Amino acid sequence: MKALTLASYALFALAGACATTASGSKARQAETGAGVDLASEAAGAQGLRPIADAKLPDKSCGMVLWTLEGRRPAAVFRFVSGDQAEINIAGEPVTLKRIDYAGAAGFGVFEQQSFASGDGVTVDVTARFGLGFEGGAYLEQGLIKVRDNKGWSMVSPTAGIAGCKD
């Protein structure tokens, strides 16, 4: 399945979503480093930013999630099954490793997944599998919760796709 087609499906799935941020939850303590400082003025003002590369590599499965940036959808999270995830927080790219998962699964993706970076950022991703299409499925009613190791967090609604690329 071509990346353009997958992106088109995801944009369609996101058409009614909106973005928001919230704070107040305690973070799970990560084992290393200071991490991205989500409590900084820059992070609070910018929140999740578009990732540099939203395409799945050839011969891989995974997921891409979008949220609204202003009035336009922007890819803010990518996970390649069996590899790593990527997110951009206030202009700082963060590489994540999946540490936990639960729920229904398909294409190497689960309805509930937790990720962590080596420097203390944790990301919980939830999404429901929706309508399927050749090589994938829509992800609906998604939510990304990002926390740093100091306890600050942000939350953003998302939609996207899970699938495999030939």
C-alpha atoms as a PDB file:
ATOM      1  CA  MET A   1       0.000   0.000   0.000  1.00  0.00           C
ATOM      2  CA  LYS A   2       1.396   3.380  -0.938  1.00  0.00           C
ATOM      3  CA  ALA A   3       2.234   5.879   1.800  1.00  0.00           C
ATOM      4  CA  LEU A   4       0.145   8.559   0.108  1.00  0.00           C
ATOM      5  CA  THR A   5      -2.934   6.347   0.271  1.00  0.00           C
ATOM      6  CA  LEU A   6      -2.347   5.570   3.966  1.00  0.00           C
ATOM      7  CA  ALA A   7      -1.904   9.276   4.688  1.00  0.00           C
ATOM      8  CA  SER A   8      -5.153  10.053   2.886  1.00  0.00           C
ATOM      9  CA  TYR A   9      -7.016   7.522   5.028  1.00  0.00           C
ATOM     10  CA  ALA A  10      -5.568   8.996   8.197  1.00  0.00           C
ATOM     11  CA  LEU A  11      -6.423  12.566   7.209  1.00  0.00           C
ATOM     12  CA  PHE A  12      -9.986  11.480   6.588  1.00  0.00           C
ATOM     13  CA  ALA A  13     -10.137   9.772   9.997  1.00  0.00           C
ATOM     14  CA  LEU A  14      -8.860  12.910  11.717  1.00  0.00           C
ATOM     15  CA  ALA A  15     -11.188  15.401  10.061  1.00  0.00           C
ATOM     16  CA  GLY A  16     -13.351  15.901  13.176  1.00  0.00           C
ATOM     17  CA  ALA A  17     -10.645  15.854  15.863  1.00  0.00           C
ATOM     18  CA  CYS A  18      -9.309  18.767  17.903  1.00  0.00           C
ATOM     19  CA  ALA A  19      -6.177  19.351  19.962  1.00  0.00           C
ATOM     20  CA  THR A  20      -5.857  20.308  23.608  1.00  0.00           C
ATOM     21  CA  THR A  21      -3.326  20.123  26.399  1.00  0.00           C
ATOM     22  CA  ALA A  22      -3.755  19.459  30.091  1.00  0.00           C
ATOM     23  CA  SER A  23      -1.511  19.092  33.098  1.00  0.00           C
ATOM     24  CA  GLY A  24      -1.585  17.574  36.534  1.00  0.00           C
ATOM     25  CA  SER A  25      -0.866  13.845  36.439  1.00  0.00           C
ATOM     26  CA  LYS A  26       2.120  12.271  38.160  1.00  0.00           C
ATOM     27  CA  ALA A  27       4.724  10.714  35.943  1.00  0.00           C
ATOM     28  CA  ARG A  28       6.141   7.249  36.269  1.00  0.00           C
ATOM     29  CA  GLN A  29       9.743   7.721  37.256  1.00  0.00           C
ATOM     30  CA  ALA A  30      12.141   6.843  34.483  1.00  0.00           C
ATOM     31  CA  GLU A  31      15.542   5.420  35.265  1.00  0.00           C
ATOM     32  CA  THR A  32      17.812   7.888  33.497  1.00  0.00           C
ATOM     33  CA  GLY A  33      18.418  11.546  32.790  1.00  0.00           C
ATOM     34  CA  ALA A  34      16.499  14.787  32.987  1.00  0.00           C
ATOM     35  CA  GLY A  35      14.446  14.326  29.819  1.00  0.00           C
ATOM     36  CA  VAL A  36      12.585  16.939  27.845  1.00  0.00           C
ATOM     37  CA  ASP A  37      11.343  19.616  30.235  1.00  0.00           C
ATOM     38  CA  LEU A  38       7.625  19.695  29.484  1.00  0.00           C
ATOM     39  CA  ALA A  39       7.052  22.310  32.160  1.00  0.00           C
ATOM     40  CA  SER A  40       9.157  24.852  30.276  1.00  0.00           C
ATOM     41  CA  GLU A  41       7.366  27.768  28.685  1.00  0.00           C
ATOM     42  CA  ALA A  42       8.402  26.588  25.208  1.00  0.00           C
ATOM     43  CA  ALA A  43       6.989  23.099  25.661  1.00  0.00           C
ATOM     44  CA  GLY A  44       3.726  24.362  27.117  1.00  0.00           C
ATOM     45  CA  ALA A  45       3.240  26.816  24.265  1.00  0.00           C
ATOM     46  CA  GLN A  46       4.211  24.429  21.470  1.00  0.00           C
ATOM     47  CA  GLY A  47       3.031  21.030  22.725  1.00  0.00           C
ATOM     48  CA  LEU A  48       3.279  18.242  20.190  1.00  0.00           C
ATOM     49  CA  ARG A  49       4.887  19.247  16.911  1.00  0.00           C
ATOM     50  CA  PRO A  50       4.965  17.405  13.558  1.00  0.00           C
ATOM     51  CA  ILE A  51       7.483  14.578  13.303  1.00  0.00           C
ATOM     52  CA  ALA A  52      10.122  14.744  10.579  1.00  0.00           C
ATOM     53  CA  ASP A  53       9.128  11.489   8.847  1.00  0.00           C
ATOM     54  CA  ALA A  54       5.605  10.095   9.087  1.00  0.00           C
ATOM     55  CA  LYS A  55       6.090   7.223   6.630  1.00  0.00           C
ATOM     56  CA  LEU A  56       6.469   3.622   7.664  1.00  0.00           C
ATOM     57  CA  PRO A  57       9.619   2.028   6.225  1.00  0.00           C
ATOM     58  CA  ASP A  58       9.157  -0.478   3.397  1.00  0.00           C
ATOM     59  CA  LYS A  59       8.272  -4.012   4.544  1.00  0.00           C
ATOM     60  CA  SER A  60       7.240  -2.847   8.027  1.00  0.00           C
ATOM     61  CA  CYS A  61       4.089  -2.559  10.105  1.00  0.00           C
ATOM     62  CA  GLY A  62       3.151   0.043  12.654  1.00  0.00           C
ATOM     63  CA  MET A  63       1.074   3.134  13.270  1.00  0.00           C
ATOM     64  CA  VAL A  64       1.018   6.850  12.556  1.00  0.00           C
ATOM     65  CA  LEU A  65      -1.105   9.247  14.603  1.00  0.00           C
ATOM     66  CA  TRP A  66      -2.210  12.765  13.664  1.00  0.00           C
ATOM     67  CA  THR A  67      -3.614  15.656  15.639  1.00  0.00           C
ATOM     68  CA  LEU A  68      -4.649  19.123  14.561  1.00  0.00           C
ATOM     69  CA  GLU A  69      -2.057  21.863  14.360  1.00  0.00           C
ATOM     70  CA  GLY A  70      -4.209  24.914  13.999  1.00  0.00           C
ATOM     71  CA  ARG A  71      -6.744  23.790  11.409  1.00  0.00           C
ATOM     72  CA  ARG A  72      -4.493  21.289   9.627  1.00  0.00           C
ATOM     73  CA  PRO A  73      -3.727  17.691  10.561  1.00  0.00           C
ATOM     74  CA  ALA A  74      -0.120  16.992  11.502  1.00  0.00           C
ATOM     75  CA  ALA A  75       1.560  13.625  12.050  1.00  0.00           C
ATOM     76  CA  VAL A  76       2.841  13.729  15.642  1.00  0.00           C
ATOM     77  CA  PHE A  77       3.617  10.089  16.471  1.00  0.00           C
ATOM     78  CA  ARG A  78       5.045   7.122  14.562  1.00  0.00           C
ATOM     79  CA  PHE A  79       5.663   3.600  15.822  1.00  0.00           C
ATOM     80  CA  VAL A  80       7.366   0.915  13.744  1.00  0.00           C
ATOM     81  CA  SER A  81       6.443  -2.499  15.134  1.00  0.00           C
ATOM     82  CA  GLY A  82       9.472  -4.324  16.526  1.00  0.00           C
ATOM     83  CA  ASP A  83      11.519  -1.124  16.441  1.00  0.00           C
ATOM     84  CA  GLN A  84      11.012   2.299  18.003  1.00  0.00           C
ATOM     85  CA  ALA A  85       8.531   5.149  18.202  1.00  0.00           C
ATOM     86  CA  GLU A  86       9.076   8.827  17.515  1.00  0.00           C
ATOM     87  CA  ILE A  87       7.383  11.947  18.838  1.00  0.00           C
ATOM     88  CA  ASN A  88       8.293  15.649  18.660  1.00  0.00           C
ATOM     89  CA  ILE A  89       7.723  17.628  21.857  1.00  0.00           C
ATOM     90  CA  ALA A  90       8.075  21.397  21.492  1.00  0.00           C
ATOM     91  CA  GLY A  91      10.494  20.969  18.600  1.00  0.00           C
ATOM     92  CA  GLU A  92      12.593  18.297  20.366  1.00  0.00           C
ATOM     93  CA  PRO A  93      12.489  14.894  18.609  1.00  0.00           C
ATOM     94  CA  VAL A  94      12.219  12.070  21.158  1.00  0.00           C
ATOM     95  CA  THR A  95      12.907   8.394  20.406  1.00  0.00           C
ATOM     96  CA  LEU A  96      10.852   5.912  22.428  1.00  0.00           C
ATOM     97  CA  LYS A  97      10.800   2.185  23.106  1.00  0.00           C
ATOM     98  CA  ARG A  98       7.548   0.308  23.754  1.00  0.00           C
ATOM     99  CA  ILE A  99       7.471  -0.908  27.360  1.00  0.00           C
ATOM    100  CA  ASP A 100       3.909  -2.186  27.782  1.00  0.00           C
ATOM    101  CA  TYR A 101       0.815  -3.010  25.737  1.00  0.00           C
ATOM    102  CA  ALA A 102      -2.716  -4.401  26.137  1.00  0.00           C
ATOM    103  CA  GLY A 103      -6.010  -4.765  24.325  1.00  0.00           C
ATOM    104  CA  ALA A 104      -6.937  -5.688  20.803  1.00  0.00           C
ATOM    105  CA  ALA A 105      -4.067  -5.929  18.348  1.00  0.00           C
ATOM    106  CA  GLY A 106      -3.336  -5.769  14.655  1.00  0.00           C
ATOM    107  CA  PHE A 107      -0.362  -4.868  12.467  1.00  0.00           C
ATOM    108  CA  GLY A 108       1.990  -4.989  15.479  1.00  0.00           C
ATOM    109  CA  VAL A 109      -0.075  -2.311  17.242  1.00  0.00           C
ATOM    110  CA  PHE A 110      -2.236  -2.610  20.375  1.00  0.00           C
ATOM    111  CA  GLU A 111      -5.149  -0.487  21.585  1.00  0.00           C
ATOM    112  CA  GLN A 112      -3.177   0.523  24.693  1.00  0.00           C
ATOM    113  CA  GLN A 113       0.582   1.016  24.504  1.00  0.00           C
ATOM    114  CA  SER A 114       3.168   2.669  26.741  1.00  0.00           C
ATOM    115  CA  PHE A 115       6.520   3.984  25.567  1.00  0.00           C
ATOM    116  CA  ALA A 116       9.542   5.459  27.348  1.00  0.00           C
ATOM    117  CA  SER A 117      12.666   7.331  26.328  1.00  0.00           C
ATOM    118  CA  GLY A 118      16.068   6.869  27.893  1.00  0.00           C
ATOM    119  CA  ASP A 119      15.839  10.358  29.392  1.00  0.00           C
ATOM    120  CA  GLY A 120      12.591  10.029  31.334  1.00  0.00           C
ATOM    121  CA  VAL A 121       9.772  10.888  28.930  1.00  0.00           C
ATOM    122  CA  THR A 122       6.834   8.468  28.987  1.00  0.00           C
ATOM    123  CA  VAL A 123       4.076   8.336  26.397  1.00  0.00           C
ATOM    124  CA  ASP A 124       0.806   6.418  26.739  1.00  0.00           C
ATOM    125  CA  VAL A 125      -1.109   5.903  23.515  1.00  0.00           C
ATOM    126  CA  THR A 126      -4.669   4.625  23.341  1.00  0.00           C
ATOM    127  CA  ALA A 127      -6.775   4.227  20.214  1.00  0.00           C
ATOM    128  CA  ARG A 128      -9.621   2.004  19.059  1.00  0.00           C
ATOM    129  CA  PHE A 129      -9.407   0.021  15.863  1.00  0.00           C
ATOM    130  CA  GLY A 130     -11.967   1.288  13.387  1.00  0.00           C
ATOM    131  CA  LEU A 131     -12.885   0.492   9.823  1.00  0.00           C
ATOM    132  CA  GLY A 132     -10.348  -1.674   8.035  1.00  0.00           C
ATOM    133  CA  PHE A 133      -8.939  -1.146   4.572  1.00  0.00           C
ATOM    134  CA  GLU A 134      -6.516  -3.120   2.422  1.00  0.00           C
ATOM    135  CA  GLY A 135      -3.303  -3.413   4.446  1.00  0.00           C
ATOM    136  CA  GLY A 136      -4.495  -1.495   7.505  1.00  0.00           C
ATOM    137  CA  ALA A 137      -7.175  -0.046   9.739  1.00  0.00           C
ATOM    138  CA  TYR A 138      -8.204   3.374  10.973  1.00  0.00           C
ATOM    139  CA  LEU A 139      -7.362   4.228  14.578  1.00  0.00           C
ATOM    140  CA  GLU A 140     -10.147   6.228  16.191  1.00  0.00           C
ATOM    141  CA  GLN A 141     -10.778   8.005  19.474  1.00  0.00           C
ATOM    142  CA  GLY A 142      -7.049   8.154  20.127  1.00  0.00           C
ATOM    143  CA  LEU A 143      -5.282   9.889  22.940  1.00  0.00           C
ATOM    144  CA  ILE A 144      -1.587  10.615  23.521  1.00  0.00           C
ATOM    145  CA  LYS A 145      -0.512  11.339  27.120  1.00  0.00           C
ATOM    146  CA  VAL A 146       3.048  12.620  27.449  1.00  0.00           C
ATOM    147  CA  ARG A 147       4.852  12.937  30.811  1.00  0.00           C
ATOM    148  CA  ASP A 148       8.325  14.021  31.803  1.00  0.00           C
ATOM    149  CA  ASN A 149      10.221  12.699  34.800  1.00  0.00           C
ATOM    150  CA  LYS A 150       9.206  15.731  36.887  1.00  0.00           C
ATOM    151  CA  GLY A 151       5.488  14.924  36.714  1.00  0.00           C
ATOM    152  CA  TRP A 152       4.357  17.488  34.129  1.00  0.00           C
ATOM    153  CA  SER A 153       2.077  16.136  31.399  1.00  0.00           C
ATOM    154  CA  MET A 154       0.179  17.050  28.262  1.00  0.00           C
ATOM    155  CA  VAL A 155      -2.697  15.268  26.566  1.00  0.00           C
ATOM    156  CA  SER A 156      -3.728  15.416  22.923  1.00  0.00           C
ATOM    157  CA  PRO A 157      -6.537  13.689  21.022  1.00  0.00           C
ATOM    158  CA  THR A 158      -5.432  11.811  17.923  1.00  0.00           C
ATOM    159  CA  ALA A 159      -6.596   9.665  15.040  1.00  0.00           C
ATOM    160  CA  GLY A 160      -4.547   7.694  12.593  1.00  0.00           C
ATOM    161  CA  ILE A 161      -3.832   4.425  10.927  1.00  0.00           C
ATOM    162  CA  ALA A 162      -2.261   1.090  11.731  1.00  0.00           C
ATOM    163  CA  GLY A 163      -1.028  -0.990   8.859  1.00  0.00           C
ATOM    164  CA  CYS A 164       1.737  -2.657   6.944  1.00  0.00           C
ATOM    165  CA  LYS A 165       3.696  -1.264   4.028  1.00  0.00           C
ATOM    166  CA  ASP A 166       4.891  -3.583   1.261  1.00  0.00           C
END
